């Protein structure tokens, strides 16, 4: 646990302890992977620019770099939350 807290990785920004997250009931391994990628904002939409050598995409409403912000904070998608 000591080594985990000293690492500078995206996951330990949102998960301080190394204990397992309880998966939602009746969740497949694929669905668990999708949930975890969303938690750390690691999706093809948010990282595609690294593979294409383009600039990162920006939220058309807010103008910030595209991330899970679109799902959780963007005022344009508020009605879906």
Protein backbone atom coordinates (compact mmCIF):
# COMPACT_ATOMS: atom_id res chain seq x y z
CA UNK A 1 0.00 0.00 0.00
CA UNK A 2 2.95 2.32 0.65
CA UNK A 3 4.24 1.89 -2.90
CA UNK A 4 0.75 2.54 -4.32
CA UNK A 5 0.45 5.92 -2.62
CA UNK A 6 3.88 7.00 -3.92
CA UNK A 7 3.11 6.24 -7.57
CA UNK A 8 2.04 9.08 -9.81
CA UNK A 9 -0.57 7.41 -11.97
CA UNK A 10 -4.01 8.58 -13.00
CA UNK A 11 -5.81 5.86 -11.05
CA UNK A 12 -4.51 6.86 -7.63
CA UNK A 13 -5.80 10.39 -8.19
CA UNK A 14 -9.31 8.98 -7.83
CA UNK A 15 -8.66 5.81 -5.81
CA UNK A 16 -6.47 6.39 -2.79
CA UNK A 17 -6.69 2.85 -1.37
CA UNK A 18 -5.96 -0.35 -3.28
CA UNK A 19 -9.05 -2.21 -2.08
CA UNK A 20 -11.39 -3.41 -4.82
CA UNK A 21 -14.30 -1.30 -5.92
CA UNK A 22 -17.45 -3.32 -5.51
CA UNK A 23 -18.78 -3.93 -9.03
CA UNK A 24 -22.41 -3.16 -9.78
CA UNK A 25 -24.56 -6.28 -9.52
CA UNK A 26 -24.77 -8.46 -12.62
CA UNK A 27 -21.87 -6.63 -14.26
CA UNK A 28 -19.74 -8.43 -16.86
CA UNK A 29 -15.96 -8.09 -17.03
CA UNK A 30 -16.34 -5.93 -20.15
CA UNK A 31 -18.76 -3.62 -18.37
CA UNK A 32 -16.41 -3.37 -15.36
CA UNK A 33 -13.57 -2.36 -17.72
CA UNK A 34 -15.75 0.34 -19.29
CA UNK A 35 -16.72 1.70 -15.87
CA UNK A 36 -13.07 1.82 -14.75
CA UNK A 37 -11.95 3.54 -17.95
CA UNK A 38 -14.63 6.17 -17.44
CA UNK A 39 -13.50 6.64 -13.83
CA UNK A 40 -9.98 7.53 -14.96
CA UNK A 41 -11.12 9.32 -18.13
CA UNK A 42 -9.26 6.88 -20.38
CA UNK A 43 -11.46 6.40 -23.43
CA UNK A 44 -10.86 6.33 -27.17
CA UNK A 45 -12.69 9.64 -27.40
CA UNK A 46 -10.39 11.39 -24.91
CA UNK A 47 -7.10 9.82 -26.08
CA UNK A 48 -7.63 9.49 -29.84
CA UNK A 49 -5.50 12.60 -30.47
CA UNK A 50 -2.40 10.74 -29.20
CA UNK A 51 -2.76 8.14 -31.95
CA UNK A 52 -3.50 10.62 -34.73
CA UNK A 53 -0.95 13.31 -33.80
CA UNK A 54 -3.72 15.92 -33.70
CA UNK A 55 -4.56 18.45 -31.03
CA UNK A 56 -6.90 17.22 -28.28
CA UNK A 57 -10.59 17.68 -29.01
CA UNK A 58 -12.47 20.31 -27.05
CA UNK A 59 -15.97 20.28 -25.63
CA UNK A 60 -18.06 22.29 -28.13
CA UNK A 61 -20.11 23.79 -25.29
CA UNK A 62 -17.47 24.58 -22.67
CA UNK A 63 -14.28 24.78 -24.74
CA UNK A 64 -12.19 22.63 -22.38
CA UNK A 65 -10.25 19.52 -23.40
CA UNK A 66 -12.63 16.61 -23.97
CA UNK A 67 -12.80 14.24 -21.02
CA UNK A 68 -15.40 12.57 -18.89
CA UNK A 69 -16.30 16.19 -18.09
CA UNK A 70 -18.75 15.84 -20.95
CA UNK A 71 -20.64 13.17 -18.98
CA UNK A 72 -20.37 14.64 -15.50
CA UNK A 73 -20.18 18.43 -15.70
CA UNK A 74 -21.01 19.85 -19.13
CA UNK A 75 -24.15 21.96 -18.95
CA UNK A 76 -25.18 20.76 -22.40
CA UNK A 77 -25.72 17.21 -21.06
CA UNK A 78 -27.22 18.13 -17.69
CA UNK A 79 -30.67 16.79 -18.60
CA UNK A 80 -29.21 13.27 -19.04
CA UNK A 81 -27.73 13.07 -15.54
